[in-house]
């Protein structure tokens, strides 16, 4: 039986391609509600692609890096995020399953 070495997760993620829909982010954050509900740390910590960061008390979103897994939407308090898949042919193109 042949040995299969899929490589590191970072190497595999680096092989993905992103078609960025400039000016049309698919993630919007309700900053006021995030602050009021204390959800900033949750968003920063839950995203496997590190799309969210906290800067000067606000959540910054690097939507172009999104893996479109929906984890943030599943755990974010209601109303804190508006999230939809990018337009057709935009977003992530997986190369490594």
N, C-alpha and C. Protein backbone atom coordinates (compact mmCIF):
# COMPACT_ATOMS: atom_id res chain seq x y z
N UNK A 1 0.85 -1.18 0.00
CA UNK A 1 0.00 0.00 0.00
C UNK A 1 0.89 1.24 0.00
N UNK A 2 0.60 2.19 -0.83
CA UNK A 2 1.41 3.41 -0.95
C UNK A 2 1.17 4.32 0.25
N UNK A 3 2.22 5.02 0.61
CA UNK A 3 2.10 6.01 1.69
C UNK A 3 1.50 7.29 1.11
N UNK A 4 0.52 7.81 1.80
CA UNK A 4 -0.13 9.05 1.37
C UNK A 4 0.16 10.12 2.40
N UNK A 5 0.76 11.22 1.97
CA UNK A 5 1.04 12.34 2.85
C UNK A 5 0.35 13.57 2.27
N UNK A 6 -0.77 13.97 2.86
CA UNK A 6 -1.52 15.09 2.29
C UNK A 6 -0.87 16.46 2.49
N UNK A 7 0.17 16.54 3.30
CA UNK A 7 0.80 17.83 3.58
C UNK A 7 0.12 18.53 4.74
N UNK A 8 0.69 19.63 5.13
CA UNK A 8 0.14 20.36 6.28
C UNK A 8 -1.15 21.08 5.89
N UNK A 9 -1.95 21.37 6.88
CA UNK A 9 -3.19 22.10 6.63
C UNK A 9 -2.89 23.46 6.02
N UNK A 10 -1.86 24.14 6.52
CA UNK A 10 -1.52 25.45 5.97
C UNK A 10 -1.14 25.35 4.50
N UNK A 11 -0.37 24.33 4.13
CA UNK A 11 -0.01 24.14 2.73
C UNK A 11 -1.24 23.86 1.87
N UNK A 12 -2.13 23.06 2.39
CA UNK A 12 -3.34 22.72 1.64
C UNK A 12 -4.25 23.93 1.48
N UNK A 13 -4.40 24.72 2.54
CA UNK A 13 -5.22 25.93 2.44
C UNK A 13 -4.61 26.94 1.48
N UNK A 14 -3.28 26.99 1.44
CA UNK A 14 -2.60 27.94 0.56
C UNK A 14 -2.83 27.62 -0.91
N UNK A 15 -3.22 26.41 -1.23
CA UNK A 15 -3.44 26.05 -2.63
C UNK A 15 -4.83 26.47 -3.13
N UNK A 16 -5.71 26.90 -2.23
CA UNK A 16 -7.02 27.37 -2.64
C UNK A 16 -6.90 28.67 -3.41
N UNK A 17 -7.89 28.94 -4.24
CA UNK A 17 -7.92 30.16 -5.04
C UNK A 17 -9.14 30.96 -4.61
N UNK A 18 -9.00 32.26 -4.56
CA UNK A 18 -10.10 33.14 -4.17
C UNK A 18 -10.43 34.08 -5.33
N UNK A 19 -11.67 34.06 -5.76
CA UNK A 19 -12.17 35.01 -6.76
C UNK A 19 -12.89 36.10 -5.97
N UNK A 20 -12.27 37.25 -5.86
CA UNK A 20 -12.76 38.31 -4.98
C UNK A 20 -13.73 39.22 -5.73
N UNK A 21 -14.89 39.40 -5.16
CA UNK A 21 -15.92 40.28 -5.72
C UNK A 21 -15.73 41.65 -5.07
N UNK A 22 -14.79 42.41 -5.60
CA UNK A 22 -14.44 43.72 -5.02
C UNK A 22 -15.68 44.60 -4.89
N UNK A 23 -15.81 45.21 -3.74
CA UNK A 23 -16.91 46.13 -3.51
C UNK A 23 -18.23 45.47 -3.15
N UNK A 24 -18.27 44.15 -3.12
CA UNK A 24 -19.50 43.43 -2.77
C UNK A 24 -19.22 42.39 -1.70
N UNK A 25 -18.91 42.84 -0.49
CA UNK A 25 -18.62 41.87 0.58
C UNK A 25 -19.86 41.03 0.90
N UNK A 26 -19.64 39.77 1.21
CA UNK A 26 -20.75 38.88 1.56
C UNK A 26 -20.95 38.78 3.07
N UNK A 27 -20.16 39.53 3.82
CA UNK A 27 -20.28 39.55 5.28
C UNK A 27 -20.37 41.01 5.73
N UNK A 28 -21.38 41.31 6.53
CA UNK A 28 -21.52 42.63 7.13
C UNK A 28 -21.71 42.44 8.63
N UNK A 29 -21.06 43.29 9.42
CA UNK A 29 -21.13 43.20 10.87
C UNK A 29 -21.91 44.39 11.41
N UNK A 30 -22.87 44.12 12.27
CA UNK A 30 -23.59 45.18 12.98
C UNK A 30 -22.72 45.54 14.19
N UNK A 31 -21.85 46.53 14.00
CA UNK A 31 -20.86 46.89 15.01
C UNK A 31 -21.49 47.23 16.36
N UNK A 32 -22.57 48.00 16.34
CA UNK A 32 -23.21 48.40 17.59
C UNK A 32 -23.73 47.19 18.36
N UNK A 33 -24.38 46.28 17.66
CA UNK A 33 -24.92 45.09 18.32
C UNK A 33 -23.81 44.17 18.81
N UNK A 34 -22.74 44.05 18.05
CA UNK A 34 -21.60 43.23 18.48
C UNK A 34 -21.02 43.78 19.77
N UNK A 35 -20.87 45.11 19.84
CA UNK A 35 -20.36 45.73 21.08
C UNK A 35 -21.31 45.49 22.24
N UNK A 36 -22.60 45.74 22.00
CA UNK A 36 -23.59 45.61 23.06
C UNK A 36 -23.68 44.18 23.59
N UNK A 37 -23.52 43.20 22.71
CA UNK A 37 -23.65 41.80 23.12
C UNK A 37 -22.31 41.18 23.50
N UNK A 38 -21.22 41.92 23.33
CA UNK A 38 -19.90 41.39 23.68
C UNK A 38 -19.49 40.22 22.80
N UNK A 39 -19.86 40.28 21.52
CA UNK A 39 -19.62 39.15 20.62
C UNK A 39 -18.31 39.25 19.84
N UNK A 40 -17.54 40.30 20.03
CA UNK A 40 -16.32 40.50 19.25
C UNK A 40 -15.35 39.33 19.43
N UNK A 41 -15.08 38.97 20.66
CA UNK A 41 -14.12 37.89 20.92
C UNK A 41 -14.59 36.57 20.30
N UNK A 42 -15.88 36.32 20.36
CA UNK A 42 -16.44 35.11 19.77
C UNK A 42 -16.15 35.05 18.27
N UNK A 43 -16.41 36.14 17.56
CA UNK A 43 -16.18 36.16 16.11
C UNK A 43 -14.71 36.00 15.78
N UNK A 44 -13.86 36.68 16.53
CA UNK A 44 -12.42 36.60 16.28
C UNK A 44 -11.93 35.17 16.50
N UNK A 45 -12.40 34.52 17.55
CA UNK A 45 -11.88 33.20 17.91
C UNK A 45 -12.49 32.04 17.14
N UNK A 46 -13.71 32.17 16.65
CA UNK A 46 -14.39 31.02 16.05
C UNK A 46 -14.02 30.79 14.58
N UNK A 47 -13.59 31.81 13.89
CA UNK A 47 -13.36 31.70 12.45
C UNK A 47 -12.07 30.94 12.14
N UNK A 48 -12.15 29.81 11.42
CA UNK A 48 -10.94 29.05 11.11
C UNK A 48 -10.03 29.76 10.11
N UNK A 49 -10.57 30.73 9.37
CA UNK A 49 -9.78 31.47 8.37
C UNK A 49 -9.26 32.80 8.90
N UNK A 50 -9.56 33.10 10.15
CA UNK A 50 -9.13 34.37 10.78
C UNK A 50 -9.61 35.58 9.98
N UNK A 51 -10.86 35.52 9.55
CA UNK A 51 -11.46 36.62 8.78
C UNK A 51 -11.70 37.84 9.65
N UNK A 52 -12.00 37.62 10.93
CA UNK A 52 -12.35 38.71 11.83
C UNK A 52 -11.18 39.09 12.72
N UNK A 53 -11.05 40.40 12.93
CA UNK A 53 -10.06 40.90 13.90
C UNK A 53 -10.68 42.11 14.58
N UNK A 54 -10.19 42.40 15.76
CA UNK A 54 -10.70 43.55 16.50
C UNK A 54 -9.68 44.67 16.42
N UNK A 55 -10.13 45.81 15.93
CA UNK A 55 -9.26 46.98 15.79
C UNK A 55 -9.99 48.20 16.34
N UNK A 56 -9.40 48.82 17.34
CA UNK A 56 -9.97 50.04 17.93
C UNK A 56 -11.43 49.87 18.35
N UNK A 57 -11.73 48.72 18.92
CA UNK A 57 -13.08 48.47 19.43
C UNK A 57 -14.09 48.09 18.36
N UNK A 58 -13.66 47.91 17.13
CA UNK A 58 -14.55 47.51 16.05
C UNK A 58 -14.06 46.19 15.45
N UNK A 59 -14.97 45.46 14.85
CA UNK A 59 -14.60 44.22 14.18
C UNK A 59 -14.27 44.54 12.73
N UNK A 60 -13.07 44.19 12.33
CA UNK A 60 -12.66 44.31 10.93
C UNK A 60 -12.91 42.96 10.26
N UNK A 61 -13.36 42.99 9.02
CA UNK A 61 -13.70 41.77 8.29
C UNK A 61 -12.87 41.71 7.01
N UNK A 62 -12.09 40.66 6.87
CA UNK A 62 -11.32 40.42 5.65
C UNK A 62 -12.08 39.35 4.86
N UNK A 63 -13.19 39.77 4.26
CA UNK A 63 -14.10 38.81 3.62
C UNK A 63 -13.45 38.01 2.49
N UNK A 64 -12.41 38.55 1.89
CA UNK A 64 -11.75 37.86 0.78
C UNK A 64 -11.10 36.55 1.23
N UNK A 65 -10.81 36.41 2.52
CA UNK A 65 -10.16 35.20 3.04
C UNK A 65 -11.16 34.15 3.52
N UNK A 66 -12.44 34.43 3.40
CA UNK A 66 -13.49 33.56 3.95
C UNK A 66 -13.51 32.20 3.26
N UNK A 67 -13.61 31.14 4.08
CA UNK A 67 -13.73 29.77 3.58
C UNK A 67 -15.18 29.40 3.29
N UNK A 68 -16.11 30.29 3.60
CA UNK A 68 -17.55 30.09 3.36
C UNK A 68 -18.10 28.87 4.10
N UNK A 69 -17.55 28.60 5.28
CA UNK A 69 -18.00 27.44 6.05
C UNK A 69 -19.25 27.74 6.87
N UNK A 70 -19.51 29.02 7.16
CA UNK A 70 -20.70 29.40 7.90
C UNK A 70 -20.58 29.28 9.41
N UNK A 71 -19.40 28.96 9.92
CA UNK A 71 -19.22 28.80 11.36
C UNK A 71 -19.60 30.08 12.10
N UNK A 72 -19.16 31.22 11.60
CA UNK A 72 -19.45 32.49 12.27
C UNK A 72 -20.95 32.72 12.35
N UNK A 73 -21.66 32.45 11.28
CA UNK A 73 -23.10 32.66 11.26
C UNK A 73 -23.82 31.72 12.22
N UNK A 74 -23.30 30.51 12.36
CA UNK A 74 -23.92 29.52 13.24
C UNK A 74 -23.80 29.90 14.71
N UNK A 75 -22.72 30.57 15.09
CA UNK A 75 -22.50 30.86 16.51
C UNK A 75 -22.72 32.32 16.89
N UNK A 76 -22.78 33.21 15.92
CA UNK A 76 -22.95 34.63 16.23
C UNK A 76 -24.36 34.89 16.78
N UNK A 77 -24.47 35.78 17.77
CA UNK A 77 -25.80 36.13 18.26
C UNK A 77 -26.66 36.69 17.13
N UNK A 78 -27.95 36.41 17.15
CA UNK A 78 -28.85 36.88 16.09
C UNK A 78 -28.73 38.39 15.87
N UNK A 79 -28.64 38.76 14.59
CA UNK A 79 -28.59 40.17 14.22
C UNK A 79 -27.20 40.77 14.15
N UNK A 80 -26.19 40.07 14.66
CA UNK A 80 -24.85 40.65 14.65
C UNK A 80 -24.18 40.54 13.29
N UNK A 81 -24.55 39.53 12.50
CA UNK A 81 -23.96 39.35 11.17
C UNK A 81 -25.05 39.27 10.11
N UNK A 82 -24.73 39.81 8.95
CA UNK A 82 -25.48 39.54 7.74
C UNK A 82 -24.50 38.80 6.85
N UNK A 83 -24.83 37.58 6.48
CA UNK A 83 -23.90 36.70 5.76
C UNK A 83 -24.65 35.97 4.67
N UNK A 84 -24.08 35.94 3.48
CA UNK A 84 -24.62 35.15 2.38
C UNK A 84 -23.45 34.66 1.54
N UNK A 85 -23.68 33.66 0.73
CA UNK A 85 -22.61 33.19 -0.15
C UNK A 85 -22.32 34.27 -1.18
N UNK A 86 -21.07 34.36 -1.62
CA UNK A 86 -20.73 35.32 -2.68
C UNK A 86 -21.50 35.00 -3.97
N UNK A 87 -21.55 35.98 -4.85
CA UNK A 87 -22.21 35.79 -6.15
C UNK A 87 -21.56 34.62 -6.89
N UNK A 88 -22.30 34.03 -7.80
CA UNK A 88 -21.80 32.90 -8.58
C UNK A 88 -20.43 33.16 -9.18
N UNK A 89 -19.59 32.19 -9.14
CA UNK A 89 -18.20 32.19 -9.62
C UNK A 89 -17.27 33.06 -8.78
N UNK A 90 -17.77 33.59 -7.67
CA UNK A 90 -16.94 34.39 -6.76
C UNK A 90 -16.72 33.60 -5.47
N UNK A 91 -15.75 34.04 -4.70
CA UNK A 91 -15.46 33.40 -3.42
C UNK A 91 -14.35 32.36 -3.57
N UNK A 92 -14.36 31.41 -2.66
CA UNK A 92 -13.28 30.42 -2.62
C UNK A 92 -13.49 29.32 -3.66
N UNK A 93 -12.37 28.87 -4.22
CA UNK A 93 -12.34 27.71 -5.11
C UNK A 93 -11.40 26.72 -4.45
N UNK A 94 -11.96 25.64 -3.91
CA UNK A 94 -11.15 24.66 -3.19
C UNK A 94 -10.31 23.83 -4.16
N UNK A 95 -9.05 23.66 -3.83
CA UNK A 95 -8.14 22.86 -4.65
C UNK A 95 -7.74 21.57 -3.95
N UNK A 96 -7.94 21.50 -2.65
CA UNK A 96 -7.50 20.33 -1.87
C UNK A 96 -8.65 19.76 -1.06
N UNK A 97 -9.76 19.50 -1.68
CA UNK A 97 -10.89 18.84 -1.04
C UNK A 97 -11.44 19.60 0.08
